[in-house]
Amino acid sequence: MTGPVEAVLFDLDDTLCTYERSADDILEIAFERVGVERFFDGAEYIERLGEFSDAGDDIRDTRRAAFGTFAAEAGHGEAVGEEIADIYTDERDQTNVAFLDGAERALDALAEPYRIGMVTNGDPWMQSQKLAGLGIEDRFEVIVHGGHDAPYKPDPEPFHIALDELGVEAGRAVHVGNSLPSDVTGAHAAGLRSVWLADGDETDPDPEPHHVVESLHDLVEEPWV
């Protein structure tokens, strides 16, 4: 069943905010301190992190497992990768994040007409610090952490948990996110309408979102309702 939109669920990372320092910036520091040539970059780290994530894992433990494996694959001992991971954790200030263009305006504008929630893939320890750094920890009626409260997106369960808490049917909800594989696919699997924050590179998105925005400023105009 579909009807007027009653709730808007947001993704967090690269939808509402981004780190002030990139993963590559921090990896450069870590490799330099350990004194080894760089054997992986931020893109590989993000792409492969899911290989080492089990529901409920702390991101710090997951990162150590990932970096240890990367080090072993590159001919170093796992301990080298674990040392890099520990330096990365020390250097990564989770509160040092910034709103993406239009994100704060969109939250302000949508909070009155809609119920607002968040469905994010990330552990509470990490994501709560980001929300605090942005000053928006109290903006959401419900926050569901994929991988902890429920399976990771695109599994429909985290969306259903959020909507059950809000008391809103899936057909009357929209999910806003930047990832086609997790946000758009997950929203569709859960029966929500999808709004995809386009990355500027994908010209033929798959799956096809219900609505595409170039900036969260576009949400204020509500062409997606």
C-alpha atoms as a PDB file:
ATOM      1  CA  MET A   1       0.000   0.000   0.000  1.00  0.00           C
ATOM      2  CA  THR A   2       1.228   3.471  -0.812  1.00  0.00           C
ATOM      3  CA  GLY A   3      -0.050   6.816   0.279  1.00  0.00           C
ATOM      4  CA  PRO A   4       1.075  10.213   1.463  1.00  0.00           C
ATOM      5  CA  VAL A   5       4.585  10.218   2.897  1.00  0.00           C
ATOM      6  CA  GLU A   6       4.572  10.190   6.685  1.00  0.00           C
ATOM      7  CA  ALA A   7       8.180   9.302   7.478  1.00  0.00           C
ATOM      8  CA  VAL A   8      11.616   9.981   6.020  1.00  0.00           C
ATOM      9  CA  LEU A   9      14.518   7.697   6.930  1.00  0.00           C
ATOM     10  CA  PHE A  10      18.067   8.868   6.305  1.00  0.00           C
ATOM     11  CA  ASP A  11      21.351   7.107   5.793  1.00  0.00           C
ATOM     12  CA  LEU A  12      24.262   8.833   7.574  1.00  0.00           C
ATOM     13  CA  ASP A  13      27.674   8.351   5.944  1.00  0.00           C
ATOM     14  CA  ASP A  14      28.107  10.190   2.636  1.00  0.00           C
ATOM     15  CA  THR A  15      24.432  11.136   2.739  1.00  0.00           C
ATOM     16  CA  LEU A  16      24.216  13.561   5.637  1.00  0.00           C
ATOM     17  CA  CYS A  17      27.904  13.885   6.444  1.00  0.00           C
ATOM     18  CA  THR A  18      31.467  13.119   5.477  1.00  0.00           C
ATOM     19  CA  TYR A  19      34.749  13.011   7.345  1.00  0.00           C
ATOM     20  CA  GLU A  20      36.880  16.135   7.317  1.00  0.00           C
ATOM     21  CA  ARG A  21      39.883  13.847   6.728  1.00  0.00           C
ATOM     22  CA  SER A  22      39.665  11.002   4.254  1.00  0.00           C
ATOM     23  CA  ALA A  23      40.617   7.398   4.942  1.00  0.00           C
ATOM     24  CA  ASP A  24      43.608   7.843   2.628  1.00  0.00           C
ATOM     25  CA  ASP A  25      44.825  10.844   4.650  1.00  0.00           C
ATOM     26  CA  ILE A  26      44.850   8.767   7.822  1.00  0.00           C
ATOM     27  CA  LEU A  27      46.326   5.689   6.167  1.00  0.00           C
ATOM     28  CA  GLU A  28      49.216   7.802   4.922  1.00  0.00           C
ATOM     29  CA  ILE A  29      49.994   8.791   8.520  1.00  0.00           C
ATOM     30  CA  ALA A  30      49.681   5.211   9.768  1.00  0.00           C
ATOM     31  CA  PHE A  31      51.929   3.677   7.104  1.00  0.00           C
ATOM     32  CA  GLU A  32      54.543   6.353   7.664  1.00  0.00           C
ATOM     33  CA  ARG A  33      54.618   5.707  11.398  1.00  0.00           C
ATOM     34  CA  VAL A  34      54.922   1.962  10.962  1.00  0.00           C
ATOM     35  CA  GLY A  35      57.618   2.473   8.333  1.00  0.00           C
ATOM     36  CA  VAL A  36      56.335   0.247   5.549  1.00  0.00           C
ATOM     37  CA  GLU A  37      55.348   0.972   1.979  1.00  0.00           C
ATOM     38  CA  ARG A  38      51.630   1.410   1.523  1.00  0.00           C
ATOM     39  CA  PHE A  39      49.986  -1.866   0.477  1.00  0.00           C
ATOM     40  CA  PHE A  40      46.298  -0.873   0.364  1.00  0.00           C
ATOM     41  CA  ASP A  41      44.283   2.308   0.043  1.00  0.00           C
ATOM     42  CA  GLY A  42      41.051   3.725   1.394  1.00  0.00           C
ATOM     43  CA  ALA A  43      38.947   2.406  -1.473  1.00  0.00           C
ATOM     44  CA  GLU A  44      40.056  -1.195  -0.872  1.00  0.00           C
ATOM     45  CA  TYR A  45      39.548  -0.768   2.868  1.00  0.00           C
ATOM     46  CA  ILE A  46      35.933   0.338   2.411  1.00  0.00           C
ATOM     47  CA  GLU A  47      35.212  -2.188  -0.345  1.00  0.00           C
ATOM     48  CA  ARG A  48      36.468  -5.197   1.629  1.00  0.00           C
ATOM     49  CA  LEU A  49      35.439  -4.241   5.163  1.00  0.00           C
ATOM     50  CA  GLY A  50      32.277  -6.320   4.925  1.00  0.00           C
ATOM     51  CA  GLU A  51      34.418  -9.484   4.605  1.00  0.00           C
ATOM     52  CA  PHE A  52      35.407  -9.048   8.237  1.00  0.00           C
ATOM     53  CA  SER A  53      32.185  -7.785   9.752  1.00  0.00           C
ATOM     54  CA  ASP A  54      29.864  -9.938  11.784  1.00  0.00           C
ATOM     55  CA  ALA A  55      26.708  -8.529  13.369  1.00  0.00           C
ATOM     56  CA  GLY A  56      27.578  -6.807  16.629  1.00  0.00           C
ATOM     57  CA  ASP A  57      31.297  -6.369  15.896  1.00  0.00           C
ATOM     58  CA  ASP A  58      33.045  -3.249  17.108  1.00  0.00           C
ATOM     59  CA  ILE A  59      34.475  -1.328  14.135  1.00  0.00           C
ATOM     60  CA  ARG A  60      37.853  -1.216  15.878  1.00  0.00           C
ATOM     61  CA  ASP A  61      38.018  -5.014  16.050  1.00  0.00           C
ATOM     62  CA  THR A  62      36.758  -5.340  12.477  1.00  0.00           C
ATOM     63  CA  ARG A  63      39.408  -2.922  11.256  1.00  0.00           C
ATOM     64  CA  ARG A  64      42.183  -4.819  13.034  1.00  0.00           C
ATOM     65  CA  ALA A  65      41.052  -8.060  11.427  1.00  0.00           C
ATOM     66  CA  ALA A  66      40.870  -6.440   7.999  1.00  0.00           C
ATOM     67  CA  PHE A  67      44.215  -4.666   8.145  1.00  0.00           C
ATOM     68  CA  GLY A  68      45.886  -7.781   9.572  1.00  0.00           C
ATOM     69  CA  THR A  69      44.650  -9.795   6.599  1.00  0.00           C
ATOM     70  CA  PHE A  70      45.712  -7.092   4.134  1.00  0.00           C
ATOM     71  CA  ALA A  71      49.198  -7.131   5.672  1.00  0.00           C
ATOM     72  CA  ALA A  72      49.470 -10.922   5.453  1.00  0.00           C
ATOM     73  CA  GLU A  73      48.355 -10.847   1.812  1.00  0.00           C
ATOM     74  CA  ALA A  74      51.077  -8.286   1.076  1.00  0.00           C
ATOM     75  CA  GLY A  75      53.787 -10.437   2.655  1.00  0.00           C
ATOM     76  CA  HIS A  76      53.894  -8.725   6.036  1.00  0.00           C
ATOM     77  CA  GLY A  77      52.921 -10.221   9.354  1.00  0.00           C
ATOM     78  CA  GLU A  78      49.381  -9.682  10.629  1.00  0.00           C
ATOM     79  CA  ALA A  79      50.853  -7.692  13.517  1.00  0.00           C
ATOM     80  CA  VAL A  80      51.955  -4.991  11.056  1.00  0.00           C
ATOM     81  CA  GLY A  81      48.395  -4.555   9.839  1.00  0.00           C
ATOM     82  CA  GLU A  82      47.046  -4.535  13.377  1.00  0.00           C
ATOM     83  CA  GLU A  83      49.503  -1.791  14.320  1.00  0.00           C
ATOM     84  CA  ILE A  84      48.342   0.256  11.329  1.00  0.00           C
ATOM     85  CA  ALA A  85      44.741  -0.295  12.413  1.00  0.00           C
ATOM     86  CA  ASP A  86      45.463   0.902  15.948  1.00  0.00           C
ATOM     87  CA  ILE A  87      47.117   4.075  14.656  1.00  0.00           C
ATOM     88  CA  TYR A  88      44.165   4.611  12.324  1.00  0.00           C
ATOM     89  CA  THR A  89      41.763   4.340  15.266  1.00  0.00           C
ATOM     90  CA  ASP A  90      43.809   6.807  17.314  1.00  0.00           C
ATOM     91  CA  GLU A  91      43.920   9.283  14.436  1.00  0.00           C
ATOM     92  CA  ARG A  92      40.292   8.946  13.318  1.00  0.00           C
ATOM     93  CA  ASP A  93      38.272  11.490  15.295  1.00  0.00           C
ATOM     94  CA  GLN A  94      34.706  10.343  14.753  1.00  0.00           C
ATOM     95  CA  THR A  95      33.368  13.772  15.733  1.00  0.00           C
ATOM     96  CA  ASN A  96      35.443  15.484  13.010  1.00  0.00           C
ATOM     97  CA  VAL A  97      32.710  15.342  10.384  1.00  0.00           C
ATOM     98  CA  ALA A  98      30.930  17.932   8.279  1.00  0.00           C
ATOM     99  CA  PHE A  99      27.459  18.181   6.790  1.00  0.00           C
ATOM    100  CA  LEU A 100      27.182  17.484   3.095  1.00  0.00           C
ATOM    101  CA  ASP A 101      25.734  20.337   1.080  1.00  0.00           C
ATOM    102  CA  GLY A 102      22.067  20.826   1.914  1.00  0.00           C
ATOM    103  CA  ALA A 103      21.917  18.159   4.636  1.00  0.00           C
ATOM    104  CA  GLU A 104      21.311  20.408   7.628  1.00  0.00           C
ATOM    105  CA  ARG A 105      18.757  22.452   5.694  1.00  0.00           C
ATOM    106  CA  ALA A 106      16.914  19.304   4.665  1.00  0.00           C
ATOM    107  CA  LEU A 107      16.745  18.001   8.229  1.00  0.00           C
ATOM    108  CA  ASP A 108      15.407  21.330   9.464  1.00  0.00           C
ATOM    109  CA  ALA A 109      12.797  21.557   6.733  1.00  0.00           C
ATOM    110  CA  LEU A 110      11.532  17.963   6.927  1.00  0.00           C
ATOM    111  CA  ALA A 111      11.374  17.624  10.702  1.00  0.00           C
ATOM    112  CA  GLU A 112       8.025  19.383  11.039  1.00  0.00           C
ATOM    113  CA  PRO A 113       5.933  17.717   8.308  1.00  0.00           C
ATOM    114  CA  TYR A 114       7.433  14.205   8.642  1.00  0.00           C
ATOM    115  CA  ARG A 115       8.557  11.646  11.192  1.00  0.00           C
ATOM    116  CA  ILE A 116      12.341  11.460  10.923  1.00  0.00           C
ATOM    117  CA  GLY A 117      14.466   8.364  11.464  1.00  0.00           C
ATOM    118  CA  MET A 118      17.849   6.955  10.546  1.00  0.00           C
ATOM    119  CA  VAL A 119      18.951   3.572   9.220  1.00  0.00           C
ATOM    120  CA  THR A 120      22.745   3.393   9.061  1.00  0.00           C
ATOM    121  CA  ASN A 121      25.291   0.640   8.533  1.00  0.00           C
ATOM    122  CA  GLY A 122      27.732   1.306  11.352  1.00  0.00           C
ATOM    123  CA  ASP A 123      28.224   0.528  14.994  1.00  0.00           C
ATOM    124  CA  PRO A 124      26.674   2.780  17.658  1.00  0.00           C
ATOM    125  CA  TRP A 125      30.051   3.716  19.151  1.00  0.00           C
ATOM    126  CA  MET A 126      31.141   5.286  15.874  1.00  0.00           C
ATOM    127  CA  GLN A 127      27.871   6.689  14.559  1.00  0.00           C
ATOM    128  CA  SER A 128      26.838   8.328  17.837  1.00  0.00           C
ATOM    129  CA  GLN A 129      30.059  10.349  17.825  1.00  0.00           C
ATOM    130  CA  LYS A 130      29.368  11.584  14.315  1.00  0.00           C
ATOM    131  CA  LEU A 131      25.859  12.683  15.274  1.00  0.00           C
ATOM    132  CA  ALA A 132      27.241  14.472  18.327  1.00  0.00           C
ATOM    133  CA  GLY A 133      29.896  16.187  16.215  1.00  0.00           C
ATOM    134  CA  LEU A 134      27.169  17.463  13.903  1.00  0.00           C
ATOM    135  CA  GLY A 135      24.934  18.430  16.828  1.00  0.00           C
ATOM    136  CA  ILE A 136      22.005  16.358  15.543  1.00  0.00           C
ATOM    137  CA  GLU A 137      21.909  13.463  18.001  1.00  0.00           C
ATOM    138  CA  ASP A 138      18.375  14.484  19.050  1.00  0.00           C
ATOM    139  CA  ARG A 139      16.946  14.998  15.541  1.00  0.00           C
ATOM    140  CA  PHE A 140      15.829  11.405  14.975  1.00  0.00           C
ATOM    141  CA  GLU A 141      12.915   9.631  16.577  1.00  0.00           C
ATOM    142  CA  VAL A 142      14.575   6.288  15.903  1.00  0.00           C
ATOM    143  CA  ILE A 143      18.076   5.206  14.879  1.00  0.00           C
ATOM    144  CA  VAL A 144      18.699   1.652  13.696  1.00  0.00           C
ATOM    145  CA  HIS A 145      22.295   0.459  13.285  1.00  0.00           C
ATOM    146  CA  GLY A 146      22.601  -2.159  10.558  1.00  0.00           C
ATOM    147  CA  GLY A 147      24.998  -4.862  11.676  1.00  0.00           C
ATOM    148  CA  HIS A 148      24.079  -4.377  15.336  1.00  0.00           C
ATOM    149  CA  ASP A 149      20.368  -3.870  15.870  1.00  0.00           C
ATOM    150  CA  ALA A 150      19.618  -5.881  12.740  1.00  0.00           C
ATOM    151  CA  PRO A 151      21.463  -7.242   9.687  1.00  0.00           C
ATOM    152  CA  TYR A 152      23.258  -4.761   7.471  1.00  0.00           C
ATOM    153  CA  LYS A 153      21.383  -2.962   4.722  1.00  0.00           C
ATOM    154  CA  PRO A 154      20.227  -3.993   2.124  1.00  0.00           C
ATOM    155  CA  ASP A 155      18.458  -6.502   4.354  1.00  0.00           C
ATOM    156  CA  PRO A 156      14.926  -5.136   4.880  1.00  0.00           C
ATOM    157  CA  GLU A 157      14.913  -5.806   8.628  1.00  0.00           C
ATOM    158  CA  PRO A 158      16.570  -2.543   9.787  1.00  0.00           C
ATOM    159  CA  PHE A 159      14.023  -0.564   7.770  1.00  0.00           C
ATOM    160  CA  HIS A 160      11.151  -2.541   9.257  1.00  0.00           C
ATOM    161  CA  ILE A 161      12.463  -2.040  12.797  1.00  0.00           C
ATOM    162  CA  ALA A 162      12.617   1.722  12.243  1.00  0.00           C
ATOM    163  CA  LEU A 163       9.115   1.902  10.787  1.00  0.00           C
ATOM    164  CA  ASP A 164       7.657  -0.296  13.519  1.00  0.00           C
ATOM    165  CA  GLU A 165       9.096   2.108  16.086  1.00  0.00           C
ATOM    166  CA  LEU A 166       7.575   5.053  14.235  1.00  0.00           C
ATOM    167  CA  GLY A 167       4.265   3.284  13.646  1.00  0.00           C
ATOM    168  CA  VAL A 168       4.404   4.042   9.914  1.00  0.00           C
ATOM    169  CA  GLU A 169       3.658   1.644   7.041  1.00  0.00           C
ATOM    170  CA  ALA A 170       6.436   0.999   4.535  1.00  0.00           C
ATOM    171  CA  GLY A 171       4.321   2.373   1.684  1.00  0.00           C
ATOM    172  CA  ARG A 172       4.152   5.727   3.451  1.00  0.00           C
ATOM    173  CA  ALA A 173       7.891   6.066   4.009  1.00  0.00           C
ATOM    174  CA  VAL A 174      10.903   7.213   2.025  1.00  0.00           C
ATOM    175  CA  HIS A 175      14.541   6.316   2.542  1.00  0.00           C
ATOM    176  CA  VAL A 176      17.257   8.776   1.495  1.00  0.00           C
ATOM    177  CA  GLY A 177      20.753   7.452   0.845  1.00  0.00           C
ATOM    178  CA  ASN A 178      23.774   7.576  -1.424  1.00  0.00           C
ATOM    179  CA  SER A 179      24.361   3.859  -1.972  1.00  0.00           C
ATOM    180  CA  LEU A 180      22.590   1.942  -4.709  1.00  0.00           C
ATOM    181  CA  PRO A 181      23.574  -1.499  -3.318  1.00  0.00           C
ATOM    182  CA  SER A 182      22.597  -0.843   0.302  1.00  0.00           C
ATOM    183  CA  ASP A 183      20.230   2.135   0.444  1.00  0.00           C
ATOM    184  CA  VAL A 184      18.179   1.842  -2.729  1.00  0.00           C
ATOM    185  CA  THR A 185      18.184  -1.954  -2.855  1.00  0.00           C
ATOM    186  CA  GLY A 186      17.337  -2.155   0.837  1.00  0.00           C
ATOM    187  CA  ALA A 187      14.547   0.398   0.650  1.00  0.00           C
ATOM    188  CA  HIS A 188      12.927  -1.448  -2.238  1.00  0.00           C
ATOM    189  CA  ALA A 189      13.242  -4.794  -0.452  1.00  0.00           C
ATOM    190  CA  ALA A 190      11.501  -3.291   2.568  1.00  0.00           C
ATOM    191  CA  GLY A 191       8.717  -1.704   0.504  1.00  0.00           C
ATOM    192  CA  LEU A 192       9.825   1.924   0.917  1.00  0.00           C
ATOM    193  CA  ARG A 193      10.192   4.565  -1.746  1.00  0.00           C
ATOM    194  CA  SER A 194      13.806   5.444  -2.449  1.00  0.00           C
ATOM    195  CA  VAL A 195      15.551   8.771  -2.901  1.00  0.00           C
ATOM    196  CA  TRP A 196      19.080   8.354  -4.198  1.00  0.00           C
ATOM    197  CA  LEU A 197      21.685  11.047  -3.606  1.00  0.00           C
ATOM    198  CA  ALA A 198      23.531  10.726  -6.917  1.00  0.00           C
ATOM    199  CA  ASP A 199      27.318  10.532  -6.945  1.00  0.00           C
ATOM    200  CA  GLY A 200      27.641  12.256 -10.306  1.00  0.00           C
ATOM    201  CA  ASP A 201      29.336   9.254 -11.945  1.00  0.00           C
ATOM    202  CA  GLU A 202      26.520   6.739 -12.334  1.00  0.00           C
ATOM    203  CA  THR A 203      24.414   7.475 -15.421  1.00  0.00           C
ATOM    204  CA  ASP A 204      22.339   4.273 -15.446  1.00  0.00           C
ATOM    205  CA  PRO A 205      21.660   3.431 -11.792  1.00  0.00           C
ATOM    206  CA  ASP A 206      20.815  -0.155 -10.930  1.00  0.00           C
ATOM    207  CA  PRO A 207      18.483  -0.652  -9.209  1.00  0.00           C
ATOM    208  CA  GLU A 208      16.630   2.374 -10.466  1.00  0.00           C
ATOM    209  CA  PRO A 209      15.620   4.616  -7.547  1.00  0.00           C
ATOM    210  CA  HIS A 210      12.184   6.177  -7.379  1.00  0.00           C
ATOM    211  CA  HIS A 211      13.718   9.638  -7.194  1.00  0.00           C
ATOM    212  CA  VAL A 212      17.187  11.065  -7.783  1.00  0.00           C
ATOM    213  CA  VAL A 213      18.577  14.230  -6.198  1.00  0.00           C
ATOM    214  CA  GLU A 214      21.887  15.910  -6.899  1.00  0.00           C
ATOM    215  CA  SER A 215      21.951  17.600  -3.493  1.00  0.00           C
ATOM    216  CA  LEU A 216      19.909  17.363  -0.326  1.00  0.00           C
ATOM    217  CA  HIS A 217      18.822  20.934  -1.059  1.00  0.00           C
ATOM    218  CA  ASP A 218      16.498  19.254  -3.558  1.00  0.00           C
ATOM    219  CA  LEU A 219      14.595  17.554  -0.738  1.00  0.00           C
ATOM    220  CA  VAL A 220      13.382  20.896   0.544  1.00  0.00           C
ATOM    221  CA  GLU A 221      11.541  21.436  -2.724  1.00  0.00           C
ATOM    222  CA  GLU A 222       9.874  18.023  -2.275  1.00  0.00           C
ATOM    223  CA  PRO A 223       9.693  16.913  -5.920  1.00  0.00           C
ATOM    224  CA  TRP A 224      10.016  13.363  -4.577  1.00  0.00           C
ATOM    225  CA  VAL A 225       6.761  13.222  -2.592  1.00  0.00           C
END
